[in-house]
Amino acid sequence: MDETKPVRDLPRCRCGFTREHSIVHPEPHYSLPGTLLVLFAGRGARPKSIDYRCPRCGTLVETVTDREVLQAFC
């Protein structure tokens, strides 16, 4: 029996990259208190959302608001 893990079907840009590829850059978006915490206290704050953008084609690959993903980012 072949027990393979299911492949997640993630959105792709025009180049074919997903948010998990190293070329795709995250762009975090913070609330005002979160921004102030990062700027003045140097502490990590959980972003409101993260946009993943491909620098080659400029396509927004995915916007993530999942709490687990956001928590892992900070």
C-alpha atoms as a PDB file:
ATOM      1  CA  MET A   1       0.000   0.000   0.000  1.00  0.00           C
ATOM      2  CA  ASP A   2       1.184   3.472  -0.851  1.00  0.00           C
ATOM      3  CA  GLU A   3       0.422   5.880   1.976  1.00  0.00           C
ATOM      4  CA  THR A   4       1.219   9.330   0.679  1.00  0.00           C
ATOM      5  CA  LYS A   5       0.436  12.586   2.391  1.00  0.00           C
ATOM      6  CA  PRO A   6      -2.260  14.655   0.705  1.00  0.00           C
ATOM      7  CA  VAL A   7      -0.892  17.600  -1.231  1.00  0.00           C
ATOM      8  CA  ARG A   8      -2.341  20.921  -0.167  1.00  0.00           C
ATOM      9  CA  ASP A   9      -3.829  22.832  -3.041  1.00  0.00           C
ATOM     10  CA  LEU A  10      -2.419  26.310  -2.439  1.00  0.00           C
ATOM     11  CA  PRO A  11      -3.053  29.290  -4.715  1.00  0.00           C
ATOM     12  CA  ARG A  12      -0.310  29.990  -7.254  1.00  0.00           C
ATOM     13  CA  CYS A  13       0.902  33.101  -9.024  1.00  0.00           C
ATOM     14  CA  ARG A  14       1.303  33.352 -12.809  1.00  0.00           C
ATOM     15  CA  CYS A  15       4.865  32.000 -12.424  1.00  0.00           C
ATOM     16  CA  GLY A  16       3.538  28.913 -10.609  1.00  0.00           C
ATOM     17  CA  PHE A  17       4.849  29.663  -7.095  1.00  0.00           C
ATOM     18  CA  THR A  18       2.884  29.189  -3.867  1.00  0.00           C
ATOM     19  CA  ARG A  19       3.295  31.142  -0.616  1.00  0.00           C
ATOM     20  CA  GLU A  20       5.605  28.378   0.641  1.00  0.00           C
ATOM     21  CA  HIS A  21       8.228  29.013  -2.069  1.00  0.00           C
ATOM     22  CA  SER A  22      11.293  30.985  -0.999  1.00  0.00           C
ATOM     23  CA  ILE A  23      10.916  33.562  -3.774  1.00  0.00           C
ATOM     24  CA  VAL A  24       7.469  34.660  -2.570  1.00  0.00           C
ATOM     25  CA  HIS A  25       7.733  37.433   0.023  1.00  0.00           C
ATOM     26  CA  PRO A  26       5.385  37.977   2.958  1.00  0.00           C
ATOM     27  CA  GLU A  27       4.010  41.495   3.523  1.00  0.00           C
ATOM     28  CA  PRO A  28       2.581  41.660   7.054  1.00  0.00           C
ATOM     29  CA  HIS A  29      -0.127  44.205   7.918  1.00  0.00           C
ATOM     30  CA  TYR A  30      -0.392  45.346  11.546  1.00  0.00           C
ATOM     31  CA  SER A  31      -3.018  47.214  13.524  1.00  0.00           C
ATOM     32  CA  LEU A  32      -2.011  50.639  14.878  1.00  0.00           C
ATOM     33  CA  PRO A  33      -1.157  49.281  18.359  1.00  0.00           C
ATOM     34  CA  GLY A  34       0.775  46.417  16.769  1.00  0.00           C
ATOM     35  CA  THR A  35       2.726  48.837  14.579  1.00  0.00           C
ATOM     36  CA  LEU A  36       3.593  51.012  17.574  1.00  0.00           C
ATOM     37  CA  LEU A  37       4.723  47.958  19.523  1.00  0.00           C
ATOM     38  CA  VAL A  38       7.033  46.903  16.704  1.00  0.00           C
ATOM     39  CA  LEU A  39       8.400  50.399  16.072  1.00  0.00           C
ATOM     40  CA  PHE A  40       8.963  51.687  19.584  1.00  0.00           C
ATOM     41  CA  ALA A  41       9.320  48.634  21.795  1.00  0.00           C
ATOM     42  CA  GLY A  42      11.038  46.360  19.314  1.00  0.00           C
ATOM     43  CA  ARG A  43       8.673  43.573  20.271  1.00  0.00           C
ATOM     44  CA  GLY A  44       7.044  41.221  17.857  1.00  0.00           C
ATOM     45  CA  ALA A  45       3.334  41.662  17.394  1.00  0.00           C
ATOM     46  CA  ARG A  46       0.949  39.375  15.565  1.00  0.00           C
ATOM     47  CA  PRO A  47      -0.060  40.923  12.229  1.00  0.00           C
ATOM     48  CA  LYS A  48      -3.721  41.349  11.219  1.00  0.00           C
ATOM     49  CA  SER A  49      -3.039  39.688   7.896  1.00  0.00           C
ATOM     50  CA  ILE A  50      -0.169  38.675   5.634  1.00  0.00           C
ATOM     51  CA  ASP A  51      -0.094  39.197   1.893  1.00  0.00           C
ATOM     52  CA  TYR A  52       2.209  36.893  -0.044  1.00  0.00           C
ATOM     53  CA  ARG A  53       3.433  38.510  -3.268  1.00  0.00           C
ATOM     54  CA  CYS A  54       5.575  37.147  -6.094  1.00  0.00           C
ATOM     55  CA  PRO A  55       8.388  39.591  -6.935  1.00  0.00           C
ATOM     56  CA  ARG A  56       8.740  38.256 -10.480  1.00  0.00           C
ATOM     57  CA  CYS A  57       5.221  38.851 -11.735  1.00  0.00           C
ATOM     58  CA  GLY A  58       3.914  41.100  -8.943  1.00  0.00           C
ATOM     59  CA  THR A  59       0.880  38.891  -8.379  1.00  0.00           C
ATOM     60  CA  LEU A  60      -0.706  38.720  -4.942  1.00  0.00           C
ATOM     61  CA  VAL A  61      -0.515  34.976  -4.366  1.00  0.00           C
ATOM     62  CA  GLU A  62      -2.556  34.769  -1.168  1.00  0.00           C
ATOM     63  CA  THR A  63      -3.806  36.811   1.779  1.00  0.00           C
ATOM     64  CA  VAL A  64      -3.680  34.884   5.049  1.00  0.00           C
ATOM     65  CA  THR A  65      -5.765  35.713   8.126  1.00  0.00           C
ATOM     66  CA  ASP A  66      -5.583  32.284   9.798  1.00  0.00           C
ATOM     67  CA  ARG A  67      -4.648  32.782  13.440  1.00  0.00           C
ATOM     68  CA  GLU A  68      -2.173  29.859  13.565  1.00  0.00           C
ATOM     69  CA  VAL A  69      -0.245  31.133  10.545  1.00  0.00           C
ATOM     70  CA  LEU A  70      -0.214  34.691  11.895  1.00  0.00           C
ATOM     71  CA  GLN A  71       1.015  33.555  15.320  1.00  0.00           C
ATOM     72  CA  ALA A  72       3.862  31.619  13.743  1.00  0.00           C
ATOM     73  CA  PHE A  73       4.917  34.748  11.843  1.00  0.00           C
ATOM     74  CA  CYS A  74       5.645  36.902  14.905  1.00  0.00           C
END
